[in-house]
Amino acid sequence: MIRFKPGAPRRVPPRFLSSRVPTLAVPTALGATAVAYRLTCPLAHDEALGARLVSSAVMCAIVTGLVMHVRHRLLRELRLARRAAEAAQSALLRPPPPRVDGLAAAAVHLSADPGARIGGDLYEVVATEHGVRAVIGDVRGHGLGAVTTVAAVLGSFREAAHDEAELAGVLRRLERAMARHLRERAHGGHDPTGVAAQDGPLGEEFVTVLLLEILPDGGVRALNCGHPWPYLLTGARAEPLARTDPLPPLGPFPLPPELPAVSCGPLLPGDALVLHTDGAEEARDAEGRFFPLRDVLTQAAREHPLTPRSVLCTVLTALLRHTAGPPKDDVALLVLRNERHGGGGVPTELRTTMRQTTTHPHPTTRLQSPA
């Protein structure tokens, strides 16, 4: 902030003058040209038809120049604003690093709002002393109106993932952050976009969340609050990671006192997890048919080499072909592949044996597809 001493002459800093001079120079020059033409040129006072045509052409040229200058300035300001918005959105929903503690990672987000790069879906993956922890979620609604909720949940996860020793502690932190965000929204102090209220009452605001924890030995644990289970790409198959009944979404109802993490078995070298939001499975074509995500992932699992980027490319190509254009809802995909111990060449027989010997039984967890 610029402060002036009492009684001292107020001088505008040169940097502010230099930013204003180019803006006013062209309009001033065009206006001076128009005035000079009207005052000094004999044609401006001649009533003949030819003189009037010349005067009209001169004035049209001046007005056109002024309009083009204003258009250029507006487009420049729009580009700067869009660049700043993209930088802010990228900082909020940042792409994951290519490798996270031995896991190859890649993610993509498609916003249903054509004016935004992010919307109501969120994801993040971080390496912590407790293992690699990942989150994916889906806020009620889509587009810019859900961005503030995404910021609240992601901000809480990025701190809690490092601070909390247990996955249940991370989920408790997310629940408190969501409750705090709703209270701030209720008091009218946490909606900078001005459009969040259009999605419905605050009592109906919620977010589905899936938390994953991948341990150094490959063991996977999860807590699911109303979110679709991810798919496990193993061998040439795509299987649901688990089939337990999820907890309620964050927002409308409190979580139960006990939050036991679901043991989902090992993520063996070469296996991949595909975390997704419901916008992928619920995308429809012109005839109302849902997108066959599992079939497309099975096709992706048969590709060699299997990389997170190749999986995303296969899914996005099939999805955009299925919907014949941008999706109607936000879509987020996060792919994690185990590349620890240098490999993916685990024989099928050994892979099955390792799963049977390392999977901890859970009464409602099923790793295999139903017959």
Protein backbone atom coordinates (compact mmCIF):
# COMPACT_ATOMS: atom_id res chain seq x y z
CA MET A 1 0.00 0.00 0.00
CA ILE A 2 1.31 3.48 -0.89
CA ARG A 3 1.41 6.01 1.97
CA PHE A 4 1.90 9.79 1.64
CA LYS A 5 3.24 12.12 4.28
CA PRO A 6 0.98 15.01 5.29
CA GLY A 7 1.77 18.14 3.31
CA ALA A 8 4.14 16.38 0.94
CA PRO A 9 3.46 16.49 -2.80
CA ARG A 10 1.87 13.28 -3.97
CA ARG A 11 3.86 11.74 -6.77
CA VAL A 12 2.70 8.65 -8.55
CA PRO A 13 5.47 6.04 -8.84
CA PRO A 14 6.93 5.77 -12.37
CA ARG A 15 5.91 2.11 -12.70
CA PHE A 16 2.24 3.09 -12.45
CA LEU A 17 2.67 5.85 -15.01
CA SER A 18 4.42 3.49 -17.42
CA SER A 19 1.52 1.02 -17.17
CA ARG A 20 -1.04 3.74 -17.93
CA VAL A 21 0.72 5.61 -20.72
CA PRO A 22 0.43 2.86 -23.37
CA THR A 23 -3.26 2.52 -22.51
CA LEU A 24 -4.04 6.21 -23.08
CA ALA A 25 -1.56 6.97 -25.84
CA VAL A 26 -3.50 5.43 -28.72
CA PRO A 27 -6.97 6.82 -27.78
CA THR A 28 -5.42 10.26 -27.19
CA ALA A 29 -3.67 10.21 -30.56
CA LEU A 30 -6.83 9.10 -32.37
CA GLY A 31 -8.92 11.76 -30.64
CA ALA A 32 -6.37 14.45 -31.44
CA THR A 33 -6.37 13.35 -35.06
CA ALA A 34 -10.17 13.62 -35.24
CA VAL A 35 -10.16 17.09 -33.64
CA ALA A 36 -7.33 18.32 -35.83
CA TYR A 37 -9.10 17.08 -38.94
CA ARG A 38 -12.33 18.84 -38.01
CA LEU A 39 -10.58 22.12 -37.19
CA THR A 40 -7.88 22.41 -39.82
CA CYS A 41 -8.84 20.34 -42.85
CA PRO A 42 -10.92 22.24 -45.47
CA LEU A 43 -12.65 19.04 -46.52
CA ALA A 44 -14.28 18.81 -43.09
CA HIS A 45 -16.25 21.99 -43.83
CA ASP A 46 -16.98 21.30 -47.48
CA GLU A 47 -20.60 20.39 -48.20
CA ALA A 48 -19.84 18.63 -51.47
CA LEU A 49 -20.66 14.94 -51.73
CA GLY A 50 -17.05 13.94 -52.38
CA ALA A 51 -15.81 15.90 -49.36
CA ARG A 52 -18.44 14.32 -47.14
CA LEU A 53 -17.43 10.85 -48.29
CA VAL A 54 -13.78 11.62 -47.49
CA SER A 55 -14.70 12.98 -44.05
CA SER A 56 -16.84 9.91 -43.34
CA ALA A 57 -13.99 7.61 -44.38
CA VAL A 58 -11.57 9.45 -42.10
CA MET A 59 -13.94 9.24 -39.12
CA CYS A 60 -14.65 5.58 -39.80
CA ALA A 61 -10.93 4.85 -39.85
CA ILE A 62 -10.45 6.66 -36.53
CA VAL A 63 -13.37 4.87 -34.87
CA THR A 64 -12.20 1.52 -36.26
CA GLY A 65 -8.73 2.15 -34.86
CA LEU A 66 -10.20 3.01 -31.47
CA VAL A 67 -12.39 -0.14 -31.45
CA MET A 68 -9.46 -2.35 -32.46
CA HIS A 69 -7.33 -0.84 -29.71
CA VAL A 70 -10.02 -1.46 -27.08
CA ARG A 71 -10.51 -5.01 -28.37
CA HIS A 72 -6.78 -5.69 -28.21
CA ARG A 73 -6.64 -4.42 -24.63
CA LEU A 74 -9.64 -6.51 -23.57
CA LEU A 75 -8.21 -9.65 -25.15
CA ARG A 76 -4.90 -9.03 -23.45
CA GLU A 77 -6.58 -8.60 -20.06
CA LEU A 78 -8.62 -11.75 -20.70
CA ARG A 79 -5.50 -13.75 -21.50
CA LEU A 80 -3.79 -12.51 -18.33
CA ALA A 81 -6.85 -13.33 -16.21
CA ARG A 82 -7.14 -16.78 -17.77
CA ARG A 83 -3.45 -17.44 -17.20
CA ALA A 84 -3.79 -16.45 -13.54
CA ALA A 85 -6.92 -18.61 -13.16
CA GLU A 86 -5.19 -21.62 -14.73
CA ALA A 87 -2.22 -21.18 -12.40
CA ALA A 88 -4.54 -21.06 -9.38
CA GLN A 89 -6.51 -24.09 -10.56
CA SER A 90 -3.32 -26.05 -11.25
CA ALA A 91 -2.08 -25.28 -7.75
CA LEU A 92 -5.36 -26.53 -6.28
CA LEU A 93 -5.75 -29.70 -8.36
CA ARG A 94 -2.11 -30.27 -9.22
CA PRO A 95 -0.98 -33.21 -11.34
CA PRO A 96 0.74 -35.97 -9.38
CA PRO A 97 4.47 -36.53 -9.78
CA PRO A 98 5.43 -39.28 -12.26
CA ARG A 99 6.70 -41.48 -9.43
CA VAL A 100 5.62 -41.59 -5.79
CA ASP A 101 7.77 -43.86 -3.62
CA GLY A 102 8.12 -46.54 -6.29
CA LEU A 103 4.63 -46.11 -7.72
CA ALA A 104 4.10 -44.68 -11.19
CA ALA A 105 1.25 -42.17 -11.14
CA ALA A 106 -0.84 -40.23 -13.64
CA ALA A 107 -4.15 -38.41 -13.38
CA VAL A 108 -6.59 -36.47 -15.51
CA HIS A 109 -9.63 -34.31 -14.85
CA LEU A 110 -12.37 -33.30 -17.26
CA SER A 111 -14.60 -30.48 -16.06
CA ALA A 112 -18.23 -30.29 -17.10
CA ASP A 113 -17.93 -26.50 -16.99
CA PRO A 114 -16.32 -25.35 -20.26
CA GLY A 115 -14.97 -22.26 -18.53
CA ALA A 116 -12.95 -24.11 -15.89
CA ARG A 117 -10.18 -26.67 -15.74
CA ILE A 118 -11.37 -28.01 -12.40
CA GLY A 119 -14.78 -28.64 -10.93
CA GLY A 120 -16.33 -30.88 -8.31
CA ASP A 121 -13.88 -33.79 -8.51
CA LEU A 122 -10.66 -34.01 -6.52
CA TYR A 123 -7.63 -36.27 -6.22
CA GLU A 124 -4.21 -36.28 -4.60
CA VAL A 125 -1.43 -38.76 -3.88
CA VAL A 126 1.45 -38.18 -1.47
CA ALA A 127 4.32 -40.22 -0.06
CA THR A 128 4.39 -40.20 3.74
CA GLU A 129 6.23 -42.03 6.47
CA HIS A 130 3.09 -44.13 6.88
CA GLY A 131 3.03 -45.23 3.22
CA VAL A 132 1.69 -43.77 0.00
CA ARG A 133 -1.69 -42.22 0.65
CA ALA A 134 -4.17 -41.23 -2.03
CA VAL A 135 -7.58 -39.59 -2.03
CA ILE A 136 -10.23 -39.21 -4.69
CA GLY A 137 -13.57 -37.53 -4.16
CA ASP A 138 -16.65 -36.10 -5.79
CA VAL A 139 -18.45 -33.00 -4.51
CA ARG A 140 -22.18 -32.71 -5.03
CA GLY A 141 -22.70 -30.64 -8.17
CA HIS A 142 -20.01 -29.71 -10.64
CA GLY A 143 -18.17 -26.76 -12.12
CA LEU A 144 -17.04 -23.63 -10.31
CA GLY A 145 -19.71 -23.89 -7.63
CA ALA A 146 -17.94 -26.90 -6.07
CA VAL A 147 -14.39 -25.51 -6.16
CA THR A 148 -14.47 -24.13 -2.60
CA THR A 149 -15.45 -27.53 -1.21
CA VAL A 150 -12.67 -29.18 -3.22
CA ALA A 151 -10.18 -26.69 -1.75
CA ALA A 152 -11.34 -27.41 1.81
CA VAL A 153 -11.08 -31.20 1.46
CA LEU A 154 -7.76 -31.22 -0.41
CA GLY A 155 -6.18 -28.73 1.97
CA SER A 156 -7.11 -30.89 4.93
CA PHE A 157 -5.90 -34.11 3.28
CA ARG A 158 -2.49 -32.67 2.36
CA GLU A 159 -1.81 -31.96 6.02
CA ALA A 160 -3.54 -34.92 7.64
CA ALA A 161 -1.89 -37.48 5.34
CA HIS A 162 1.47 -36.64 6.93
CA ASP A 163 0.28 -36.00 10.49
CA GLU A 164 -2.04 -38.93 11.17
CA ALA A 165 -0.57 -42.38 11.80
CA GLU A 166 -3.85 -44.17 11.05
CA LEU A 167 -6.04 -43.84 7.98
CA ALA A 168 -9.04 -43.34 10.24
CA GLY A 169 -7.40 -40.22 11.65
CA VAL A 170 -7.08 -38.78 8.15
CA LEU A 171 -10.77 -39.36 7.51
CA ARG A 172 -11.71 -37.71 10.81
CA ARG A 173 -9.72 -34.64 9.79
CA LEU A 174 -11.53 -34.52 6.45
CA GLU A 175 -14.87 -34.77 8.25
CA ARG A 176 -14.00 -31.84 10.51
CA ALA A 177 -12.75 -29.77 7.58
CA MET A 178 -15.99 -30.41 5.69
CA ALA A 179 -18.09 -29.44 8.72
CA ARG A 180 -16.06 -26.27 9.21
CA HIS A 181 -16.42 -25.40 5.53
CA LEU A 182 -20.21 -25.81 5.68
CA ARG A 183 -20.42 -23.58 8.76
CA GLU A 184 -18.44 -20.87 7.00
CA ARG A 185 -20.64 -21.18 3.94
CA ALA A 186 -23.74 -20.89 6.12
CA HIS A 187 -22.47 -17.55 7.46
CA GLY A 188 -21.85 -16.28 3.93
CA GLY A 189 -18.11 -15.97 4.26
CA HIS A 190 -16.80 -18.81 2.15
CA ASP A 191 -18.23 -18.55 -1.36
CA PRO A 192 -15.93 -16.38 -3.48
CA THR A 193 -17.29 -17.80 -6.70
CA GLY A 194 -20.79 -16.60 -5.94
CA VAL A 195 -22.37 -19.60 -7.67
CA ALA A 196 -22.16 -22.40 -5.13
CA ALA A 197 -25.57 -21.63 -3.71
CA GLN A 198 -27.13 -22.44 -7.05
CA ASP A 199 -26.51 -26.16 -6.53
CA GLY A 200 -28.93 -26.40 -3.63
CA PRO A 201 -29.26 -25.83 0.13
CA LEU A 202 -26.21 -26.25 2.32
CA GLY A 203 -27.97 -29.09 4.15
CA GLU A 204 -27.71 -31.11 0.95
CA GLU A 205 -24.01 -30.43 0.42
CA PHE A 206 -21.82 -33.53 0.60
CA VAL A 207 -18.69 -35.07 -0.83
CA THR A 208 -17.89 -38.73 -1.48
CA VAL A 209 -14.34 -39.68 -0.54
CA LEU A 210 -12.13 -42.73 -1.00
CA LEU A 211 -8.90 -42.95 1.00
CA LEU A 212 -6.21 -45.45 0.06
CA GLU A 213 -3.01 -46.39 1.84
CA ILE A 214 -0.36 -48.44 0.03
CA LEU A 215 2.26 -49.80 2.40
CA PRO A 216 5.91 -50.47 1.49
CA ASP A 217 5.17 -54.22 1.19
CA GLY A 218 2.35 -53.50 -1.27
CA GLY A 219 -0.51 -54.00 1.16
CA VAL A 220 -3.53 -51.81 0.43
CA ARG A 221 -5.99 -50.47 2.97
CA ALA A 222 -8.97 -48.27 2.26
CA LEU A 223 -11.75 -46.20 3.78
CA ASN A 224 -14.69 -45.45 1.52
CA CYS A 225 -17.32 -42.77 2.13
CA GLY A 226 -19.92 -43.34 -0.58
CA HIS A 227 -17.44 -43.39 -3.46
CA PRO A 228 -17.09 -45.96 -6.27
CA TRP A 229 -14.48 -48.60 -5.52
CA PRO A 230 -11.39 -48.46 -7.74
CA TYR A 231 -10.42 -51.16 -10.20
CA LEU A 232 -7.39 -53.39 -9.87
CA LEU A 233 -5.60 -54.14 -13.14
CA THR A 234 -3.80 -57.43 -12.67
CA GLY A 235 -2.65 -59.75 -15.40
CA ALA A 236 -5.15 -59.09 -18.19
CA ARG A 237 -8.15 -58.45 -15.94
CA ALA A 238 -9.88 -55.49 -14.34
CA GLU A 239 -11.45 -56.35 -10.99
CA PRO A 240 -13.12 -54.20 -8.33
CA LEU A 241 -10.68 -53.66 -5.49
CA ALA A 242 -13.28 -54.46 -2.82
CA ARG A 243 -17.02 -54.90 -2.43
CA THR A 244 -17.74 -53.66 1.08
CA ASP A 245 -20.65 -51.37 1.87
CA PRO A 246 -19.26 -47.83 1.98
CA LEU A 247 -19.61 -45.35 4.82
CA PRO A 248 -21.92 -42.34 4.34
CA PRO A 249 -20.55 -39.36 2.40
CA LEU A 250 -19.03 -36.50 4.33
CA GLY A 251 -21.44 -33.70 5.12
CA PRO A 252 -25.02 -34.78 5.85
CA PHE A 253 -24.37 -37.48 8.48
CA PRO A 254 -21.65 -38.00 11.11
CA LEU A 255 -19.28 -40.91 10.70
CA PRO A 256 -19.62 -43.91 13.04
CA PRO A 257 -17.40 -44.07 16.15
CA GLU A 258 -15.33 -46.96 14.76
CA LEU A 259 -13.60 -46.62 11.38
CA PRO A 260 -11.79 -49.90 10.65
CA ALA A 261 -9.80 -49.71 7.44
CA VAL A 262 -10.68 -52.33 4.83
CA SER A 263 -7.76 -54.59 3.91
CA CYS A 264 -7.76 -54.95 0.13
CA GLY A 265 -4.86 -57.34 -0.36
CA PRO A 266 -1.51 -56.60 -1.99
CA LEU A 267 -0.68 -54.42 -4.95
CA LEU A 268 1.90 -56.68 -6.57
CA PRO A 269 4.68 -55.43 -8.83
CA GLY A 270 3.16 -54.67 -12.22
CA ASP A 271 -0.39 -54.29 -10.89
CA ALA A 272 -2.21 -50.99 -11.20
CA LEU A 273 -5.08 -49.28 -9.39
CA VAL A 274 -7.54 -47.06 -11.28
CA LEU A 275 -9.35 -44.61 -9.01
CA HIS A 276 -12.26 -42.83 -10.65
CA THR A 277 -15.34 -40.71 -9.98
CA ASP A 278 -18.87 -41.67 -10.93
CA GLY A 279 -18.76 -39.31 -13.92
CA ALA A 280 -16.80 -41.99 -15.77
CA GLU A 281 -19.19 -44.89 -15.14
CA GLU A 282 -22.34 -42.79 -15.56
CA ALA A 283 -21.38 -41.10 -18.84
CA ARG A 284 -24.05 -41.87 -21.44
CA ASP A 285 -24.07 -42.03 -25.20
CA ALA A 286 -26.79 -40.68 -27.50
CA GLU A 287 -28.97 -43.74 -26.78
CA GLY A 288 -28.65 -43.44 -23.00
CA ARG A 289 -26.22 -46.34 -22.49
CA PHE A 290 -23.66 -46.08 -19.71
CA PHE A 291 -19.96 -46.05 -20.43
CA PRO A 292 -18.52 -49.61 -20.05
CA LEU A 293 -15.61 -48.58 -17.84
CA ARG A 294 -14.71 -52.10 -16.67
CA ASP A 295 -14.60 -53.47 -20.24
CA VAL A 296 -12.38 -50.58 -21.35
CA LEU A 297 -10.06 -51.12 -18.38
CA THR A 298 -9.84 -54.81 -19.24
CA GLN A 299 -8.74 -53.80 -22.71
CA ALA A 300 -6.19 -51.40 -21.22
CA ALA A 301 -4.83 -54.14 -18.93
CA ARG A 302 -3.94 -56.23 -21.98
CA GLU A 303 -1.75 -53.53 -23.48
CA HIS A 304 2.02 -53.74 -23.23
CA PRO A 305 3.75 -51.92 -21.78
CA LEU A 306 1.12 -51.12 -19.17
CA THR A 307 1.71 -47.61 -17.86
CA PRO A 308 -0.58 -45.13 -16.09
CA ARG A 309 -0.47 -42.83 -19.10
CA SER A 310 -1.43 -45.62 -21.49
CA VAL A 311 -4.39 -46.51 -19.27
CA LEU A 312 -5.56 -42.90 -19.19
CA CYS A 313 -5.17 -42.58 -22.95
CA THR A 314 -7.24 -45.71 -23.57
CA VAL A 315 -10.00 -44.68 -21.18
CA LEU A 316 -10.23 -41.07 -22.36
CA THR A 317 -10.28 -42.03 -26.03
CA ALA A 318 -13.11 -44.51 -25.44
CA LEU A 319 -14.99 -42.11 -23.15
CA LEU A 320 -14.97 -39.18 -25.58
CA ARG A 321 -15.97 -41.50 -28.40
CA HIS A 322 -18.81 -42.87 -26.28
CA THR A 323 -20.20 -39.46 -25.31
CA ALA A 324 -19.47 -37.88 -28.72
CA GLY A 325 -18.08 -34.81 -27.00
CA PRO A 326 -17.31 -33.42 -23.53
CA PRO A 327 -18.98 -35.30 -20.64
CA LYS A 328 -22.02 -33.87 -18.89
CA ASP A 329 -20.48 -34.42 -15.45
CA ASP A 330 -16.98 -33.94 -14.06
CA VAL A 331 -14.67 -36.92 -14.59
CA ALA A 332 -11.49 -37.65 -12.64
CA LEU A 333 -9.13 -40.60 -13.06
CA LEU A 334 -6.06 -41.45 -10.99
CA VAL A 335 -3.87 -44.42 -11.93
CA LEU A 336 -1.20 -45.90 -9.63
CA ARG A 337 1.06 -48.74 -10.79
CA ASN A 338 3.44 -50.67 -8.56
CA GLU A 339 6.92 -50.47 -10.08
CA ARG A 340 8.83 -51.41 -6.96
CA HIS A 341 11.52 -54.09 -7.13
CA GLY A 342 11.87 -53.31 -10.83
CA GLY A 343 9.18 -55.35 -12.16
CA GLY A 344 5.99 -56.44 -13.62
CA GLY A 345 7.01 -59.88 -14.78
CA VAL A 346 5.46 -61.92 -12.00
CA PRO A 347 4.11 -65.20 -13.35
CA THR A 348 0.37 -65.71 -13.10
CA GLU A 349 0.69 -68.79 -10.85
CA LEU A 350 3.04 -67.00 -8.46
CA ARG A 351 0.84 -63.90 -8.53
CA THR A 352 -2.21 -65.95 -7.48
CA THR A 353 -0.24 -67.65 -4.70
CA MET A 354 1.03 -64.31 -3.40
CA ARG A 355 -2.50 -62.94 -3.28
CA GLN A 356 -3.84 -65.95 -1.39
CA THR A 357 -1.03 -65.84 1.16
CA THR A 358 -0.92 -62.08 1.72
CA THR A 359 -4.57 -61.10 1.63
CA HIS A 360 -6.04 -60.64 5.10
CA PRO A 361 -9.54 -62.09 5.30
CA HIS A 362 -12.34 -59.61 5.70
CA PRO A 363 -15.94 -60.74 6.06
CA THR A 364 -17.26 -58.30 3.44
CA THR A 365 -14.22 -57.97 1.18
CA ARG A 366 -14.00 -59.88 -2.08
CA LEU A 367 -11.07 -59.50 -4.39
CA GLN A 368 -12.23 -61.93 -7.03
CA SER A 369 -14.97 -61.29 -9.53
CA PRO A 370 -18.16 -63.30 -8.99
CA ALA A 371 -18.53 -66.42 -11.04
